[in-house]
Amino acid sequence: MKLRGLIIVGVVLILVGLGGLVFNVIPIHHTEQVAKIGPITATQDKETDFVIPPFVAVIIILAGGTLVLAGRRRT
């Protein structure tokens, strides 16, 4: 049963890595407080882009492939 879990984790890592290659920018939205005067606050909605480098996605794909192969060899 543990080996099947190893294969599942490997496949999930492969899919995450492929998603990282396709969608290499993840926008992150957050609200920031810019001013506070007594009970009144002013906020600003900001968007920050989180960039996933392609080599990280490739490393994740290779790690997932290694887990899949390791899970198959032992069964």
N, C-alpha and C. Protein backbone atom coordinates (compact mmCIF):
# COMPACT_ATOMS: atom_id res chain seq x y z
N MET A 1 0.83 -1.20 0.00
CA MET A 1 0.00 0.00 0.00
C MET A 1 0.87 1.26 0.00
N LYS A 2 2.03 1.21 0.66
CA LYS A 2 2.91 2.37 0.70
C LYS A 2 3.49 2.67 -0.68
N LEU A 3 3.73 1.63 -1.46
CA LEU A 3 4.29 1.84 -2.79
C LEU A 3 3.29 2.52 -3.71
N ARG A 4 2.04 2.20 -3.54
CA ARG A 4 1.01 2.86 -4.35
C ARG A 4 0.94 4.35 -4.01
N GLY A 5 1.12 4.67 -2.74
CA GLY A 5 1.15 6.08 -2.33
C GLY A 5 2.34 6.80 -2.92
N LEU A 6 3.47 6.09 -3.06
CA LEU A 6 4.66 6.67 -3.67
C LEU A 6 4.40 7.03 -5.12
N ILE A 7 3.70 6.16 -5.82
CA ILE A 7 3.35 6.42 -7.23
C ILE A 7 2.39 7.61 -7.32
N ILE A 8 1.42 7.67 -6.43
CA ILE A 8 0.45 8.77 -6.45
C ILE A 8 1.14 10.11 -6.19
N VAL A 9 2.04 10.13 -5.22
CA VAL A 9 2.77 11.37 -4.93
C VAL A 9 3.64 11.76 -6.12
N GLY A 10 4.24 10.79 -6.77
CA GLY A 10 5.04 11.06 -7.96
C GLY A 10 4.23 11.67 -9.09
N VAL A 11 3.04 11.12 -9.32
CA VAL A 11 2.18 11.64 -10.39
C VAL A 11 1.72 13.06 -10.05
N VAL A 12 1.40 13.31 -8.79
CA VAL A 12 0.99 14.66 -8.38
C VAL A 12 2.14 15.65 -8.59
N LEU A 13 3.37 15.25 -8.26
CA LEU A 13 4.51 16.13 -8.48
C LEU A 13 4.73 16.41 -9.96
N ILE A 14 4.54 15.40 -10.80
CA ILE A 14 4.67 15.61 -12.24
C ILE A 14 3.64 16.61 -12.73
N LEU A 15 2.41 16.48 -12.27
CA LEU A 15 1.35 17.42 -12.69
C LEU A 15 1.62 18.83 -12.19
N VAL A 16 2.12 18.95 -10.97
CA VAL A 16 2.45 20.27 -10.43
C VAL A 16 3.59 20.90 -11.23
N GLY A 17 4.59 20.09 -11.58
CA GLY A 17 5.70 20.60 -12.38
C GLY A 17 5.26 21.05 -13.76
N LEU A 18 4.38 20.28 -14.39
CA LEU A 18 3.86 20.68 -15.70
C LEU A 18 3.04 21.97 -15.59
N GLY A 19 2.27 22.08 -14.52
CA GLY A 19 1.52 23.32 -14.29
C GLY A 19 2.45 24.50 -14.09
N GLY A 20 3.59 24.27 -13.43
CA GLY A 20 4.58 25.33 -13.25
C GLY A 20 5.20 25.77 -14.55
N LEU A 21 5.35 24.85 -15.49
CA LEU A 21 5.89 25.22 -16.80
C LEU A 21 4.86 25.99 -17.63
N VAL A 22 3.60 25.59 -17.54
CA VAL A 22 2.56 26.24 -18.32
C VAL A 22 2.19 27.60 -17.73
N PHE A 23 1.93 27.62 -16.43
CA PHE A 23 1.56 28.87 -15.74
C PHE A 23 2.74 29.29 -14.88
N ASN A 24 3.69 30.01 -15.46
CA ASN A 24 4.91 30.33 -14.72
C ASN A 24 4.79 31.57 -13.84
N VAL A 25 3.65 32.24 -13.85
CA VAL A 25 3.42 33.40 -12.99
C VAL A 25 2.13 33.19 -12.22
N ILE A 26 2.21 33.33 -10.90
CA ILE A 26 1.03 33.20 -10.04
C ILE A 26 0.75 34.57 -9.43
N PRO A 27 -0.40 35.18 -9.77
CA PRO A 27 -0.72 36.48 -9.16
C PRO A 27 -1.25 36.29 -7.73
N ILE A 28 -0.74 37.11 -6.82
CA ILE A 28 -1.17 37.04 -5.42
C ILE A 28 -1.78 38.39 -5.07
N HIS A 29 -3.04 38.37 -4.62
CA HIS A 29 -3.76 39.59 -4.25
C HIS A 29 -3.73 39.74 -2.72
N HIS A 30 -3.47 40.93 -2.26
CA HIS A 30 -3.54 41.21 -0.83
C HIS A 30 -3.90 42.66 -0.61
N THR A 31 -4.47 42.92 0.56
CA THR A 31 -4.88 44.28 0.92
C THR A 31 -3.87 44.84 1.90
N GLU A 32 -3.44 46.06 1.65
CA GLU A 32 -2.45 46.71 2.49
C GLU A 32 -3.02 47.99 3.09
N GLN A 33 -2.77 48.18 4.36
CA GLN A 33 -3.24 49.40 5.03
C GLN A 33 -2.25 50.52 4.75
N VAL A 34 -2.74 51.61 4.18
CA VAL A 34 -1.85 52.73 3.84
C VAL A 34 -1.94 53.89 4.83
N ALA A 35 -3.09 54.08 5.44
CA ALA A 35 -3.22 55.18 6.40
C ALA A 35 -4.27 54.83 7.44
N LYS A 36 -4.04 55.34 8.65
CA LYS A 36 -5.02 55.16 9.72
C LYS A 36 -5.07 56.45 10.52
N ILE A 37 -6.27 57.07 10.49
CA ILE A 37 -6.49 58.31 11.23
C ILE A 37 -7.66 58.05 12.16
N GLY A 38 -7.35 57.82 13.42
CA GLY A 38 -8.40 57.51 14.39
C GLY A 38 -9.07 56.20 14.02
N PRO A 39 -10.42 56.19 13.96
CA PRO A 39 -11.11 54.95 13.62
C PRO A 39 -11.20 54.69 12.11
N ILE A 40 -10.72 55.63 11.30
CA ILE A 40 -10.82 55.51 9.84
C ILE A 40 -9.50 54.95 9.29
N THR A 41 -9.62 53.92 8.47
CA THR A 41 -8.43 53.35 7.84
C THR A 41 -8.59 53.39 6.32
N ALA A 42 -7.48 53.59 5.65
CA ALA A 42 -7.47 53.55 4.19
C ALA A 42 -6.64 52.35 3.76
N THR A 43 -7.22 51.54 2.89
CA THR A 43 -6.52 50.35 2.42
C THR A 43 -6.35 50.42 0.91
N GLN A 44 -5.38 49.65 0.45
CA GLN A 44 -5.11 49.59 -0.98
C GLN A 44 -4.97 48.13 -1.37
N ASP A 45 -5.65 47.74 -2.47
CA ASP A 45 -5.56 46.38 -2.97
C ASP A 45 -4.35 46.28 -3.89
N LYS A 46 -3.43 45.36 -3.57
CA LYS A 46 -2.22 45.21 -4.37
C LYS A 46 -2.17 43.82 -4.98
N GLU A 47 -1.53 43.75 -6.14
CA GLU A 47 -1.31 42.46 -6.80
C GLU A 47 0.19 42.28 -7.01
N THR A 48 0.70 41.16 -6.50
CA THR A 48 2.10 40.84 -6.65
C THR A 48 2.21 39.55 -7.47
N ASP A 49 3.13 39.54 -8.41
CA ASP A 49 3.33 38.34 -9.23
C ASP A 49 4.45 37.49 -8.64
N PHE A 50 4.16 36.20 -8.44
CA PHE A 50 5.14 35.24 -7.97
C PHE A 50 5.58 34.42 -9.18
N VAL A 51 6.84 34.57 -9.58
CA VAL A 51 7.35 33.91 -10.78
C VAL A 51 7.99 32.57 -10.40
N ILE A 52 7.58 31.51 -11.12
CA ILE A 52 8.15 30.19 -10.92
C ILE A 52 9.21 29.97 -11.99
N PRO A 53 10.48 29.86 -11.60
CA PRO A 53 11.52 29.64 -12.60
C PRO A 53 11.34 28.27 -13.29
N PRO A 54 11.62 28.19 -14.58
CA PRO A 54 11.43 26.92 -15.30
C PRO A 54 12.27 25.78 -14.75
N PHE A 55 13.48 26.07 -14.25
CA PHE A 55 14.31 24.98 -13.74
C PHE A 55 13.71 24.34 -12.48
N VAL A 56 12.97 25.11 -11.71
CA VAL A 56 12.31 24.54 -10.53
C VAL A 56 11.21 23.57 -10.96
N ALA A 57 10.46 23.95 -11.99
CA ALA A 57 9.40 23.07 -12.50
C ALA A 57 10.00 21.78 -13.06
N VAL A 58 11.14 21.89 -13.74
CA VAL A 58 11.78 20.69 -14.29
C VAL A 58 12.29 19.79 -13.16
N ILE A 59 12.83 20.37 -12.12
CA ILE A 59 13.30 19.58 -10.98
C ILE A 59 12.13 18.85 -10.32
N ILE A 60 10.99 19.51 -10.19
CA ILE A 60 9.80 18.88 -9.60
C ILE A 60 9.33 17.72 -10.48
N ILE A 61 9.35 17.91 -11.81
CA ILE A 61 8.94 16.84 -12.73
C ILE A 61 9.89 15.64 -12.60
N LEU A 62 11.20 15.90 -12.53
CA LEU A 62 12.17 14.82 -12.40
C LEU A 62 12.01 14.08 -11.07
N ALA A 63 11.74 14.81 -10.00
CA ALA A 63 11.53 14.17 -8.70
C ALA A 63 10.28 13.29 -8.73
N GLY A 64 9.22 13.77 -9.37
CA GLY A 64 8.00 12.98 -9.49
C GLY A 64 8.23 11.73 -10.32
N GLY A 65 8.98 11.87 -11.42
CA GLY A 65 9.29 10.70 -12.24
C GLY A 65 10.12 9.68 -11.48
N THR A 66 11.04 10.14 -10.67
CA THR A 66 11.85 9.24 -9.85
C THR A 66 10.99 8.48 -8.86
N LEU A 67 10.03 9.16 -8.25
CA LEU A 67 9.14 8.49 -7.29
C LEU A 67 8.26 7.45 -7.99
N VAL A 68 7.78 7.77 -9.18
CA VAL A 68 6.96 6.82 -9.93
C VAL A 68 7.77 5.59 -10.28
N LEU A 69 9.00 5.80 -10.76
CA LEU A 69 9.85 4.65 -11.11
C LEU A 69 10.20 3.82 -9.88
N ALA A 70 10.48 4.47 -8.77
CA ALA A 70 10.81 3.75 -7.54
C ALA A 70 9.60 2.95 -7.05
N GLY A 71 8.42 3.49 -7.20
CA GLY A 71 7.21 2.78 -6.78
C GLY A 71 6.92 1.59 -7.67
N ARG A 72 7.22 1.70 -8.95
CA ARG A 72 6.96 0.59 -9.90
C ARG A 72 7.96 -0.53 -9.77
N ARG A 73 9.22 -0.21 -9.48
CA ARG A 73 10.26 -1.23 -9.38
C ARG A 73 10.02 -2.19 -8.23
N ARG A 74 9.45 -1.71 -7.17
CA ARG A 74 9.27 -2.55 -5.98
C ARG A 74 8.01 -3.39 -6.01
N THR A 75 7.11 -3.11 -6.98
CA THR A 75 5.88 -3.90 -7.03
C THR A 75 6.06 -5.11 -7.91
